[in-house]
Amino acid sequence: MTPTAPKPDPLSGRVGHLSIIQQHTLDKLRTELKAEGHFVPERHDDPTLLRFLRARKFDLPKAKFMLIEQEKWRKEFGVDELARNFDFPEKVEVDAIYPQYYHKTDKDGRPVFVERLEKLDIKALDAITTQHRLLQRLVFEYEKFLNERLPACSIHIGQPVETSCTILDLKGVGLLQFWKVQKYVGDAAEIGQLRYPECMGKFFIINAPFGFSTVWNVIKKWLDPVTVAKISILGSDYESILRAQIPPENLPSDIGGQCSCLGGCSLSDTGPWRDPTIMAQVAKNKEEAAKARELADVHTPTPTSTALDPTPLIAPSNGTSEIHVHLKPPCKLDN
């Protein structure tokens, strides 16, 4: 009887689910970044480094290059300043024609992000804001997603949450509308893939119109195959599928759910990140992490660029290609 192959671990490549080789690659990436002056302690925790490693299939040189390029881009785009001080006073006006918002969580604890194109009026949007401002807002939201939403969701559900669940509603969208925002969509996709990799958990495209395959063939060129595999394209009969992933009470009523927030779901920003008790714990965790880094800096000698070669690895005797080392998960968090 042929032995059954072990099922792949869906959390492979994450803290607590690393093979010996993956753990070694993570350690080596951290060491090299420190030795070369590219390591940023407050940003380069293990979950973050692993996002870049997974994005490049644990190819160390490629992951390191990607991370270094991201740091260069952060300076050029002014990300730290945006994260601290970005303001979007045109939010209500933009929301009326181009809603983009986070709203509660899915069954796995991920923050749900909704983007709706039904009311999109390019001419009206250009009169309110610019595509550059929209990209700045996108980056601001990515920073908030990583530093506030994910930690809050992790505390709320009691386990690390590292990705989002996105719903893109294409109801009433024609191909002409898409071509008019093609540059913005391409720039946004590039920022997501290259600067904030491995942040997508689930992605549902609903109300996909007739002829969407033409648009999809263009969009796919901007996405890597792993990302494409996470995307489900649905027509108008999508509600049961969404409800299987997102509790109805967490899903806005205008896309098949039961939630009707006062003032509208798109402006409510409702979720664990609005809970004062949870956010106090997020702040406490950050303080404790900062103190731990300070202690580590005091007791850890400065690395040199001449790191020793890895010790040869012994293959597991059961014939599998990896030995899994289950480490203690990170303290309620961080693609």
C-alpha atoms as a PDB file:
ATOM      1  CA  MET A   1       0.000   0.000   0.000  1.00  0.00           C
ATOM      2  CA  THR A   2       1.422   3.351  -1.022  1.00  0.00           C
ATOM      3  CA  PRO A   3       1.815   5.655   1.998  1.00  0.00           C
ATOM      4  CA  THR A   4      -0.323   8.788   1.909  1.00  0.00           C
ATOM      5  CA  ALA A   5       1.716  11.917   1.316  1.00  0.00           C
ATOM      6  CA  PRO A   6       1.537  14.380   4.219  1.00  0.00           C
ATOM      7  CA  LYS A   7      -0.818  17.291   3.647  1.00  0.00           C
ATOM      8  CA  PRO A   8       0.971  20.608   3.116  1.00  0.00           C
ATOM      9  CA  ASP A   9       0.848  22.941   6.100  1.00  0.00           C
ATOM     10  CA  PRO A  10      -1.249  25.998   5.104  1.00  0.00           C
ATOM     11  CA  LEU A  11       0.802  28.060   7.559  1.00  0.00           C
ATOM     12  CA  SER A  12       4.152  26.904   6.179  1.00  0.00           C
ATOM     13  CA  GLY A  13       6.696  29.696   6.087  1.00  0.00           C
ATOM     14  CA  ARG A  14       5.208  31.515   9.068  1.00  0.00           C
ATOM     15  CA  VAL A  15       6.479  31.835  12.621  1.00  0.00           C
ATOM     16  CA  GLY A  16       5.896  28.539  14.391  1.00  0.00           C
ATOM     17  CA  HIS A  17       5.651  26.638  11.112  1.00  0.00           C
ATOM     18  CA  LEU A  18       9.179  26.798   9.714  1.00  0.00           C
ATOM     19  CA  SER A  19      11.291  23.970   8.394  1.00  0.00           C
ATOM     20  CA  ILE A  20      14.921  23.876   9.498  1.00  0.00           C
ATOM     21  CA  ILE A  21      15.962  25.302   6.127  1.00  0.00           C
ATOM     22  CA  GLN A  22      13.376  28.091   6.346  1.00  0.00           C
ATOM     23  CA  GLN A  23      14.478  28.963   9.884  1.00  0.00           C
ATOM     24  CA  HIS A  24      18.090  29.093   8.765  1.00  0.00           C
ATOM     25  CA  THR A  25      17.185  31.332   5.809  1.00  0.00           C
ATOM     26  CA  LEU A  26      15.294  33.690   8.116  1.00  0.00           C
ATOM     27  CA  ASP A  27      18.238  33.880  10.525  1.00  0.00           C
ATOM     28  CA  LYS A  28      20.679  34.473   7.678  1.00  0.00           C
ATOM     29  CA  LEU A  29      18.523  37.233   6.171  1.00  0.00           C
ATOM     30  CA  ARG A  30      18.358  39.007   9.520  1.00  0.00           C
ATOM     31  CA  THR A  31      22.120  38.651  10.043  1.00  0.00           C
ATOM     32  CA  GLU A  32      22.970  39.956   6.572  1.00  0.00           C
ATOM     33  CA  LEU A  33      20.609  42.925   6.876  1.00  0.00           C
ATOM     34  CA  LYS A  34      22.229  43.877  10.187  1.00  0.00           C
ATOM     35  CA  ALA A  35      25.756  43.418   8.859  1.00  0.00           C
ATOM     36  CA  GLU A  36      25.033  45.568   5.798  1.00  0.00           C
ATOM     37  CA  GLY A  37      23.240  48.330   7.706  1.00  0.00           C
ATOM     38  CA  HIS A  38      19.795  47.694   6.225  1.00  0.00           C
ATOM     39  CA  PHE A  39      18.065  46.294   9.302  1.00  0.00           C
ATOM     40  CA  VAL A  40      15.309  48.478  10.811  1.00  0.00           C
ATOM     41  CA  PRO A  41      14.428  46.949  14.209  1.00  0.00           C
ATOM     42  CA  GLU A  42      10.990  48.534  14.572  1.00  0.00           C
ATOM     43  CA  ARG A  43       9.887  47.203  11.177  1.00  0.00           C
ATOM     44  CA  HIS A  44      11.897  44.071  10.516  1.00  0.00           C
ATOM     45  CA  ASP A  45      10.388  41.629  12.975  1.00  0.00           C
ATOM     46  CA  ASP A  46      10.248  37.958  12.027  1.00  0.00           C
ATOM     47  CA  PRO A  47       6.695  38.004  10.574  1.00  0.00           C
ATOM     48  CA  THR A  48       7.709  40.885   8.285  1.00  0.00           C
ATOM     49  CA  LEU A  49      10.941  39.256   7.134  1.00  0.00           C
ATOM     50  CA  LEU A  50       9.002  36.057   6.468  1.00  0.00           C
ATOM     51  CA  ARG A  51       6.494  37.912   4.292  1.00  0.00           C
ATOM     52  CA  PHE A  52       9.329  38.951   1.988  1.00  0.00           C
ATOM     53  CA  LEU A  53      10.865  35.481   2.074  1.00  0.00           C
ATOM     54  CA  ARG A  54       7.559  33.825   1.178  1.00  0.00           C
ATOM     55  CA  ALA A  55       7.040  36.334  -1.623  1.00  0.00           C
ATOM     56  CA  ARG A  56      10.328  35.165  -3.127  1.00  0.00           C
ATOM     57  CA  LYS A  57       9.900  31.479  -2.242  1.00  0.00           C
ATOM     58  CA  PHE A  58      12.663  31.684   0.386  1.00  0.00           C
ATOM     59  CA  ASP A  59      15.265  32.710  -2.191  1.00  0.00           C
ATOM     60  CA  LEU A  60      17.496  34.702   0.164  1.00  0.00           C
ATOM     61  CA  PRO A  61      19.179  37.065  -2.363  1.00  0.00           C
ATOM     62  CA  LYS A  62      15.856  37.888  -4.032  1.00  0.00           C
ATOM     63  CA  ALA A  63      14.048  38.464  -0.735  1.00  0.00           C
ATOM     64  CA  LYS A  64      16.863  40.665   0.566  1.00  0.00           C
ATOM     65  CA  PHE A  65      16.902  42.712  -2.636  1.00  0.00           C
ATOM     66  CA  MET A  66      13.125  43.123  -2.436  1.00  0.00           C
ATOM     67  CA  LEU A  67      13.304  44.303   1.162  1.00  0.00           C
ATOM     68  CA  ILE A  68      16.164  46.734   0.526  1.00  0.00           C
ATOM     69  CA  GLU A  69      14.301  48.173  -2.468  1.00  0.00           C
ATOM     70  CA  GLN A  70      11.238  48.572  -0.276  1.00  0.00           C
ATOM     71  CA  GLU A  71      13.242  50.596   2.228  1.00  0.00           C
ATOM     72  CA  LYS A  72      14.527  52.856  -0.577  1.00  0.00           C
ATOM     73  CA  TRP A  73      10.981  53.320  -1.826  1.00  0.00           C
ATOM     74  CA  ARG A  74       9.764  54.186   1.675  1.00  0.00           C
ATOM     75  CA  LYS A  75      12.197  57.098   1.797  1.00  0.00           C
ATOM     76  CA  GLU A  76      11.368  58.275  -1.725  1.00  0.00           C
ATOM     77  CA  PHE A  77       7.608  58.072  -1.158  1.00  0.00           C
ATOM     78  CA  GLY A  78       7.817  59.590   2.341  1.00  0.00           C
ATOM     79  CA  VAL A  79       6.049  56.666   3.980  1.00  0.00           C
ATOM     80  CA  ASP A  80       7.036  57.457   7.573  1.00  0.00           C
ATOM     81  CA  GLU A  81       5.727  61.010   7.226  1.00  0.00           C
ATOM     82  CA  LEU A  82       2.512  59.745   5.615  1.00  0.00           C
ATOM     83  CA  ALA A  83       1.985  57.220   8.407  1.00  0.00           C
ATOM     84  CA  ARG A  84       2.327  59.964  11.020  1.00  0.00           C
ATOM     85  CA  ASN A  85       0.541  62.907   9.436  1.00  0.00           C
ATOM     86  CA  PHE A  86      -1.469  61.987   6.335  1.00  0.00           C
ATOM     87  CA  ASP A  87      -4.898  63.582   6.237  1.00  0.00           C
ATOM     88  CA  PHE A  88      -7.618  62.901   3.680  1.00  0.00           C
ATOM     89  CA  PRO A  89     -10.273  65.615   4.156  1.00  0.00           C
ATOM     90  CA  GLU A  90     -11.899  64.650   0.857  1.00  0.00           C
ATOM     91  CA  LYS A  91     -12.748  61.207   2.258  1.00  0.00           C
ATOM     92  CA  VAL A  92     -16.533  61.707   2.459  1.00  0.00           C
ATOM     93  CA  GLU A  93     -16.716  63.135  -1.065  1.00  0.00           C
ATOM     94  CA  VAL A  94     -14.560  60.339  -2.469  1.00  0.00           C
ATOM     95  CA  ASP A  95     -16.586  57.728  -0.599  1.00  0.00           C
ATOM     96  CA  ALA A  96     -19.747  58.897  -2.344  1.00  0.00           C
ATOM     97  CA  ILE A  97     -18.362  57.832  -5.728  1.00  0.00           C
ATOM     98  CA  TYR A  98     -15.531  55.400  -4.905  1.00  0.00           C
ATOM     99  CA  PRO A  99     -16.047  53.568  -1.577  1.00  0.00           C
ATOM    100  CA  GLN A 100     -12.935  51.831  -0.214  1.00  0.00           C
ATOM    101  CA  TYR A 101     -13.095  50.779   3.403  1.00  0.00           C
ATOM    102  CA  TYR A 102     -12.285  48.232   6.119  1.00  0.00           C
ATOM    103  CA  HIS A 103     -15.285  46.704   7.866  1.00  0.00           C
ATOM    104  CA  LYS A 104     -15.151  44.111  10.659  1.00  0.00           C
ATOM    105  CA  THR A 105     -13.615  40.641  10.159  1.00  0.00           C
ATOM    106  CA  ASP A 106     -14.115  37.331   8.370  1.00  0.00           C
ATOM    107  CA  LYS A 107     -14.467  33.918  10.048  1.00  0.00           C
ATOM    108  CA  ASP A 108     -10.662  33.585  10.263  1.00  0.00           C
ATOM    109  CA  GLY A 109     -10.281  36.946  12.013  1.00  0.00           C
ATOM    110  CA  ARG A 110      -8.963  38.810   8.976  1.00  0.00           C
ATOM    111  CA  PRO A 111      -9.960  42.455   8.481  1.00  0.00           C
ATOM    112  CA  VAL A 112     -12.415  42.722   5.589  1.00  0.00           C
ATOM    113  CA  PHE A 113     -11.655  45.351   2.940  1.00  0.00           C
ATOM    114  CA  VAL A 114     -14.414  46.403   0.547  1.00  0.00           C
ATOM    115  CA  GLU A 115     -13.921  48.298  -2.710  1.00  0.00           C
ATOM    116  CA  ARG A 116     -16.922  49.201  -4.867  1.00  0.00           C
ATOM    117  CA  LEU A 117     -16.771  50.599  -8.393  1.00  0.00           C
ATOM    118  CA  GLU A 118     -20.488  50.907  -9.168  1.00  0.00           C
ATOM    119  CA  LYS A 119     -20.635  54.677  -8.581  1.00  0.00           C
ATOM    120  CA  LEU A 120     -17.163  55.454  -9.884  1.00  0.00           C
ATOM    121  CA  ASP A 121     -17.181  58.630 -11.959  1.00  0.00           C
ATOM    122  CA  ILE A 122     -13.662  59.367 -13.167  1.00  0.00           C
ATOM    123  CA  LYS A 123     -14.357  62.977 -14.084  1.00  0.00           C
ATOM    124  CA  ALA A 124     -15.984  63.684 -10.722  1.00  0.00           C
ATOM    125  CA  LEU A 125     -13.184  61.877  -8.890  1.00  0.00           C
ATOM    126  CA  ASP A 126     -10.529  63.945 -10.664  1.00  0.00           C
ATOM    127  CA  ALA A 127     -12.349  67.094  -9.549  1.00  0.00           C
ATOM    128  CA  ILE A 128     -12.159  65.991  -5.909  1.00  0.00           C
ATOM    129  CA  THR A 129      -8.677  64.480  -5.627  1.00  0.00           C
ATOM    130  CA  THR A 130      -5.738  63.145  -7.650  1.00  0.00           C
ATOM    131  CA  GLN A 131      -4.474  59.658  -8.381  1.00  0.00           C
ATOM    132  CA  HIS A 132      -1.311  60.508  -6.419  1.00  0.00           C
ATOM    133  CA  ARG A 133      -3.435  61.397  -3.386  1.00  0.00           C
ATOM    134  CA  LEU A 134      -5.283  58.105  -3.789  1.00  0.00           C
ATOM    135  CA  LEU A 135      -1.953  56.245  -3.813  1.00  0.00           C
ATOM    136  CA  GLN A 136      -0.849  58.149  -0.702  1.00  0.00           C
ATOM    137  CA  ARG A 137      -4.071  57.100   0.974  1.00  0.00           C
ATOM    138  CA  LEU A 138      -3.450  53.506  -0.118  1.00  0.00           C
ATOM    139  CA  VAL A 139       0.009  53.532   1.483  1.00  0.00           C
ATOM    140  CA  PHE A 140      -1.339  55.173   4.644  1.00  0.00           C
ATOM    141  CA  GLU A 141      -3.947  52.416   4.885  1.00  0.00           C
ATOM    142  CA  TYR A 142      -1.324  49.702   4.357  1.00  0.00           C
ATOM    143  CA  GLU A 143       0.691  51.138   7.253  1.00  0.00           C
ATOM    144  CA  LYS A 144      -2.393  51.277   9.454  1.00  0.00           C
ATOM    145  CA  PHE A 145      -3.303  47.764   8.352  1.00  0.00           C
ATOM    146  CA  LEU A 146       0.073  46.390   9.484  1.00  0.00           C
ATOM    147  CA  ASN A 147       0.500  48.436  12.648  1.00  0.00           C
ATOM    148  CA  GLU A 148      -3.044  48.673  13.996  1.00  0.00           C
ATOM    149  CA  ARG A 149      -5.614  46.512  12.237  1.00  0.00           C
ATOM    150  CA  LEU A 150      -3.674  43.234  12.149  1.00  0.00           C
ATOM    151  CA  PRO A 151      -2.443  43.448  15.767  1.00  0.00           C
ATOM    152  CA  ALA A 152      -5.983  44.299  16.908  1.00  0.00           C
ATOM    153  CA  CYS A 153      -7.490  41.420  14.931  1.00  0.00           C
ATOM    154  CA  SER A 154      -4.857  39.072  16.355  1.00  0.00           C
ATOM    155  CA  ILE A 155      -5.766  40.005  19.919  1.00  0.00           C
ATOM    156  CA  HIS A 156      -9.470  39.795  19.113  1.00  0.00           C
ATOM    157  CA  ILE A 157      -9.314  36.235  17.745  1.00  0.00           C
ATOM    158  CA  GLY A 158      -6.475  35.022  19.986  1.00  0.00           C
ATOM    159  CA  GLN A 159      -4.016  34.013  17.264  1.00  0.00           C
ATOM    160  CA  PRO A 160      -1.775  35.791  14.744  1.00  0.00           C
ATOM    161  CA  VAL A 161      -3.604  37.379  11.808  1.00  0.00           C
ATOM    162  CA  GLU A 162      -1.360  38.439   8.926  1.00  0.00           C
ATOM    163  CA  THR A 163      -3.631  38.922   5.917  1.00  0.00           C
ATOM    164  CA  SER A 164      -6.851  40.578   4.757  1.00  0.00           C
ATOM    165  CA  CYS A 165     -10.051  39.417   3.100  1.00  0.00           C
ATOM    166  CA  THR A 166     -10.918  41.719   0.185  1.00  0.00           C
ATOM    167  CA  ILE A 167     -14.178  42.154  -1.704  1.00  0.00           C
ATOM    168  CA  LEU A 168     -14.073  44.002  -5.023  1.00  0.00           C
ATOM    169  CA  ASP A 169     -17.576  44.794  -6.284  1.00  0.00           C
ATOM    170  CA  LEU A 170     -17.789  45.352 -10.040  1.00  0.00           C
ATOM    171  CA  LYS A 171     -21.552  45.859 -10.216  1.00  0.00           C
ATOM    172  CA  GLY A 172     -22.447  48.184 -13.068  1.00  0.00           C
ATOM    173  CA  VAL A 173     -18.849  48.586 -14.195  1.00  0.00           C
ATOM    174  CA  GLY A 174     -18.143  48.832 -17.907  1.00  0.00           C
ATOM    175  CA  LEU A 175     -14.840  48.154 -19.624  1.00  0.00           C
ATOM    176  CA  LEU A 176     -14.432  51.865 -20.412  1.00  0.00           C
ATOM    177  CA  GLN A 177     -14.364  52.711 -16.701  1.00  0.00           C
ATOM    178  CA  PHE A 178     -11.602  50.203 -16.131  1.00  0.00           C
ATOM    179  CA  TRP A 179      -9.390  51.513 -18.913  1.00  0.00           C
ATOM    180  CA  LYS A 180      -9.698  55.045 -17.493  1.00  0.00           C
ATOM    181  CA  VAL A 181      -8.265  53.948 -14.148  1.00  0.00           C
ATOM    182  CA  GLN A 182      -5.796  51.456 -15.586  1.00  0.00           C
ATOM    183  CA  LYS A 183      -2.711  53.437 -14.476  1.00  0.00           C
ATOM    184  CA  TYR A 184      -3.963  53.803 -10.908  1.00  0.00           C
ATOM    185  CA  VAL A 185      -4.881  50.119 -10.718  1.00  0.00           C
ATOM    186  CA  GLY A 186      -1.446  49.150 -12.054  1.00  0.00           C
ATOM    187  CA  ASP A 187       0.390  51.462  -9.629  1.00  0.00           C
ATOM    188  CA  ALA A 188      -1.715  50.213  -6.714  1.00  0.00           C
ATOM    189  CA  ALA A 189      -1.048  46.584  -7.647  1.00  0.00           C
ATOM    190  CA  GLU A 190       2.692  47.264  -7.835  1.00  0.00           C
ATOM    191  CA  ILE A 191       2.722  48.875  -4.392  1.00  0.00           C
ATOM    192  CA  GLY A 192       0.808  45.954  -2.939  1.00  0.00           C
ATOM    193  CA  GLN A 193       2.995  43.250  -4.456  1.00  0.00           C
ATOM    194  CA  LEU A 194       6.443  44.817  -4.174  1.00  0.00           C
ATOM    195  CA  ARG A 195       6.147  46.961  -1.042  1.00  0.00           C
ATOM    196  CA  TYR A 196       3.594  45.092   1.076  1.00  0.00           C
ATOM    197  CA  PRO A 197       3.848  41.468  -0.070  1.00  0.00           C
ATOM    198  CA  GLU A 198       1.900  38.514   1.281  1.00  0.00           C
ATOM    199  CA  CYS A 199      -0.880  40.611   2.827  1.00  0.00           C
ATOM    200  CA  MET A 200      -3.709  39.017   0.840  1.00  0.00           C
ATOM    201  CA  GLY A 201      -5.528  36.085   2.392  1.00  0.00           C
ATOM    202  CA  LYS A 202      -8.770  35.939   0.416  1.00  0.00           C
ATOM    203  CA  PHE A 203      -9.934  38.067  -2.518  1.00  0.00           C
ATOM    204  CA  PHE A 204     -13.463  37.949  -3.922  1.00  0.00           C
ATOM    205  CA  ILE A 205     -14.398  39.753  -7.129  1.00  0.00           C
ATOM    206  CA  ILE A 206     -18.197  39.929  -7.165  1.00  0.00           C
ATOM    207  CA  ASN A 207     -20.671  40.984  -9.845  1.00  0.00           C
ATOM    208  CA  ALA A 208     -18.052  40.374 -12.508  1.00  0.00           C
ATOM    209  CA  PRO A 209     -19.667  41.655 -15.735  1.00  0.00           C
ATOM    210  CA  PHE A 210     -19.882  39.968 -19.094  1.00  0.00           C
ATOM    211  CA  GLY A 211     -16.564  40.456 -20.857  1.00  0.00           C
ATOM    212  CA  PHE A 212     -14.609  40.731 -17.606  1.00  0.00           C
ATOM    213  CA  SER A 213     -12.249  38.037 -18.852  1.00  0.00           C
ATOM    214  CA  THR A 214     -10.672  40.689 -21.108  1.00  0.00           C
ATOM    215  CA  VAL A 215      -9.976  42.935 -18.125  1.00  0.00           C
ATOM    216  CA  TRP A 216      -8.848  39.986 -16.006  1.00  0.00           C
ATOM    217  CA  ASN A 217      -6.248  39.003 -18.576  1.00  0.00           C
ATOM    218  CA  VAL A 218      -4.748  42.496 -18.213  1.00  0.00           C
ATOM    219  CA  ILE A 219      -4.892  42.498 -14.411  1.00  0.00           C
ATOM    220  CA  LYS A 220      -3.253  39.055 -14.179  1.00  0.00           C
ATOM    221  CA  LYS A 221      -0.130  40.460 -15.818  1.00  0.00           C
ATOM    222  CA  TRP A 222       0.378  42.666 -12.755  1.00  0.00           C
ATOM    223  CA  LEU A 223       0.006  39.771 -10.318  1.00  0.00           C
ATOM    224  CA  ASP A 224       2.168  36.775  -9.519  1.00  0.00           C
ATOM    225  CA  PRO A 225       0.639  33.278  -9.823  1.00  0.00           C
ATOM    226  CA  VAL A 226       0.430  32.798  -6.044  1.00  0.00           C
ATOM    227  CA  THR A 227      -1.672  35.953  -5.763  1.00  0.00           C
ATOM    228  CA  VAL A 228      -3.881  34.945  -8.689  1.00  0.00           C
ATOM    229  CA  ALA A 229      -4.609  31.625  -6.962  1.00  0.00           C
ATOM    230  CA  LYS A 230      -6.120  33.485  -3.974  1.00  0.00           C
ATOM    231  CA  ILE A 231      -8.675  35.325  -6.118  1.00  0.00           C
ATOM    232  CA  SER A 232     -12.218  34.047  -6.657  1.00  0.00           C
ATOM    233  CA  ILE A 233     -14.163  35.609  -9.540  1.00  0.00           C
ATOM    234  CA  LEU A 234     -17.917  35.482  -8.939  1.00  0.00           C
ATOM    235  CA  GLY A 235     -20.929  36.724 -10.856  1.00  0.00           C
ATOM    236  CA  SER A 236     -24.134  38.028  -9.292  1.00  0.00           C
ATOM    237  CA  ASP A 237     -24.796  34.760  -7.428  1.00  0.00           C
ATOM    238  CA  TYR A 238     -22.101  35.371  -4.819  1.00  0.00           C
ATOM    239  CA  GLU A 239     -23.909  35.820  -1.501  1.00  0.00           C
ATOM    240  CA  SER A 240     -23.703  32.230  -0.221  1.00  0.00           C
ATOM    241  CA  ILE A 241     -19.976  32.109  -0.961  1.00  0.00           C
ATOM    242  CA  LEU A 242     -19.301  35.399   0.826  1.00  0.00           C
ATOM    243  CA  ARG A 243     -21.394  34.338   3.814  1.00  0.00           C
ATOM    244  CA  ALA A 244     -19.417  31.117   4.075  1.00  0.00           C
ATOM    245  CA  GLN A 245     -16.284  33.230   4.624  1.00  0.00           C
ATOM    246  CA  ILE A 246     -17.724  36.289   6.375  1.00  0.00           C
ATOM    247  CA  PRO A 247     -20.392  36.124   9.105  1.00  0.00           C
ATOM    248  CA  PRO A 248     -23.577  37.812   7.780  1.00  0.00           C
ATOM    249  CA  GLU A 249     -23.586  40.221  10.729  1.00  0.00           C
ATOM    250  CA  ASN A 250     -20.129  41.416   9.652  1.00  0.00           C
ATOM    251  CA  LEU A 251     -21.044  41.825   5.988  1.00  0.00           C
ATOM    252  CA  PRO A 252     -22.583  45.125   4.783  1.00  0.00           C
ATOM    253  CA  SER A 253     -26.228  44.748   3.784  1.00  0.00           C
ATOM    254  CA  ASP A 254     -25.672  46.188   0.302  1.00  0.00           C
ATOM    255  CA  ILE A 255     -23.468  43.217  -0.603  1.00  0.00           C
ATOM    256  CA  GLY A 256     -25.605  40.488   0.903  1.00  0.00           C
ATOM    257  CA  GLY A 257     -24.993  40.832   4.635  1.00  0.00           C
ATOM    258  CA  GLN A 258     -26.954  41.972   7.674  1.00  0.00           C
ATOM    259  CA  CYS A 259     -24.881  44.948   8.839  1.00  0.00           C
ATOM    260  CA  SER A 260     -26.225  48.487   8.487  1.00  0.00           C
ATOM    261  CA  CYS A 261     -23.888  50.797  10.389  1.00  0.00           C
ATOM    262  CA  LEU A 262     -25.211  54.171  11.494  1.00  0.00           C
ATOM    263  CA  GLY A 263     -24.032  56.651   8.881  1.00  0.00           C
ATOM    264  CA  GLY A 264     -23.158  53.839   6.477  1.00  0.00           C
ATOM    265  CA  CYS A 265     -20.723  50.933   6.700  1.00  0.00           C
ATOM    266  CA  SER A 266     -18.264  52.583   4.309  1.00  0.00           C
ATOM    267  CA  LEU A 267     -17.533  55.432   6.741  1.00  0.00           C
ATOM    268  CA  SER A 268     -17.800  53.509  10.021  1.00  0.00           C
ATOM    269  CA  ASP A 269     -14.358  51.850  10.056  1.00  0.00           C
ATOM    270  CA  THR A 270     -15.888  49.303  12.429  1.00  0.00           C
ATOM    271  CA  GLY A 271     -13.679  46.491  13.677  1.00  0.00           C
ATOM    272  CA  PRO A 272     -11.491  45.288  16.572  1.00  0.00           C
ATOM    273  CA  TRP A 273      -9.153  48.233  15.870  1.00  0.00           C
ATOM    274  CA  ARG A 274     -11.867  50.546  17.258  1.00  0.00           C
ATOM    275  CA  ASP A 275     -12.014  48.746  20.603  1.00  0.00           C
ATOM    276  CA  PRO A 276     -10.185  50.889  23.232  1.00  0.00           C
ATOM    277  CA  THR A 277      -9.266  47.872  25.369  1.00  0.00           C
ATOM    278  CA  ILE A 278      -7.777  46.002  22.419  1.00  0.00           C
ATOM    279  CA  MET A 279      -5.881  49.061  21.187  1.00  0.00           C
ATOM    280  CA  ALA A 280      -4.479  49.622  24.682  1.00  0.00           C
ATOM    281  CA  GLN A 281      -3.117  46.065  24.527  1.00  0.00           C
ATOM    282  CA  VAL A 282      -1.689  46.748  21.049  1.00  0.00           C
ATOM    283  CA  ALA A 283       0.142  49.790  22.443  1.00  0.00           C
ATOM    284  CA  LYS A 284       1.391  47.776  25.427  1.00  0.00           C
ATOM    285  CA  ASN A 285       2.671  45.010  23.151  1.00  0.00           C
ATOM    286  CA  LYS A 286       4.555  47.578  21.059  1.00  0.00           C
ATOM    287  CA  GLU A 287       6.174  49.059  24.167  1.00  0.00           C
ATOM    288  CA  GLU A 288       7.231  45.626  25.373  1.00  0.00           C
ATOM    289  CA  ALA A 289       8.626  44.763  21.933  1.00  0.00           C
ATOM    290  CA  ALA A 290      10.628  48.013  21.897  1.00  0.00           C
ATOM    291  CA  LYS A 291      12.080  47.247  25.336  1.00  0.00           C
ATOM    292  CA  ALA A 292      12.962  43.717  24.216  1.00  0.00           C
ATOM    293  CA  ARG A 293      14.798  45.147  21.195  1.00  0.00           C
ATOM    294  CA  GLU A 294      16.746  47.512  23.426  1.00  0.00           C
ATOM    295  CA  LEU A 295      17.818  44.634  25.670  1.00  0.00           C
ATOM    296  CA  ALA A 296      18.782  42.563  22.641  1.00  0.00           C
ATOM    297  CA  ASP A 297      20.903  45.422  21.303  1.00  0.00           C
ATOM    298  CA  VAL A 298      22.736  45.654  24.625  1.00  0.00           C
ATOM    299  CA  HIS A 299      23.506  41.939  24.845  1.00  0.00           C
ATOM    300  CA  THR A 300      24.005  41.082  21.162  1.00  0.00           C
ATOM    301  CA  PRO A 301      27.407  41.773  19.556  1.00  0.00           C
ATOM    302  CA  THR A 302      27.372  43.694  16.286  1.00  0.00           C
ATOM    303  CA  PRO A 303      27.356  41.175  13.412  1.00  0.00           C
ATOM    304  CA  THR A 304      30.031  41.196  10.771  1.00  0.00           C
ATOM    305  CA  SER A 305      29.615  40.560   7.078  1.00  0.00           C
ATOM    306  CA  THR A 306      31.648  37.340   7.291  1.00  0.00           C
ATOM    307  CA  ALA A 307      28.955  35.061   8.619  1.00  0.00           C
ATOM    308  CA  LEU A 308      29.824  31.398   8.993  1.00  0.00           C
ATOM    309  CA  ASP A 309      28.472  28.939   6.475  1.00  0.00           C
ATOM    310  CA  PRO A 310      25.449  26.945   7.651  1.00  0.00           C
ATOM    311  CA  THR A 311      25.966  23.654   9.383  1.00  0.00           C
ATOM    312  CA  PRO A 312      25.075  20.788   7.022  1.00  0.00           C
ATOM    313  CA  LEU A 313      21.493  19.684   7.505  1.00  0.00           C
ATOM    314  CA  ILE A 314      20.599  16.055   8.128  1.00  0.00           C
ATOM    315  CA  ALA A 315      17.707  14.806   6.028  1.00  0.00           C
ATOM    316  CA  PRO A 316      14.774  13.397   8.025  1.00  0.00           C
ATOM    317  CA  SER A 317      14.611   9.643   8.150  1.00  0.00           C
ATOM    318  CA  ASN A 318      10.935   9.433   7.105  1.00  0.00           C
ATOM    319  CA  GLY A 319      11.685  10.462   3.534  1.00  0.00           C
ATOM    320  CA  THR A 320       9.993  13.864   3.696  1.00  0.00           C
ATOM    321  CA  SER A 321      11.850  16.874   2.386  1.00  0.00           C
ATOM    322  CA  GLU A 322      11.537  19.029   5.482  1.00  0.00           C
ATOM    323  CA  ILE A 323      11.748  18.811   9.243  1.00  0.00           C
ATOM    324  CA  HIS A 324       9.269  21.186  10.857  1.00  0.00           C
ATOM    325  CA  VAL A 325      10.296  23.072  13.956  1.00  0.00           C
ATOM    326  CA  HIS A 326       7.292  24.407  15.863  1.00  0.00           C
ATOM    327  CA  LEU A 327       8.395  27.534  17.637  1.00  0.00           C
ATOM    328  CA  LYS A 328       6.364  29.600  20.066  1.00  0.00           C
ATOM    329  CA  PRO A 329       4.047  31.934  18.095  1.00  0.00           C
ATOM    330  CA  PRO A 330       4.748  35.670  18.306  1.00  0.00           C
ATOM    331  CA  CYS A 331       3.007  37.711  20.971  1.00  0.00           C
ATOM    332  CA  LYS A 332      -0.344  38.464  19.347  1.00  0.00           C
ATOM    333  CA  LEU A 333       1.216  39.621  16.145  1.00  0.00           C
ATOM    334  CA  ASP A 334       2.823  41.373  13.416  1.00  0.00           C
ATOM    335  CA  ASN A 335       1.698  38.491   3.827  1.00  0.00           C
END
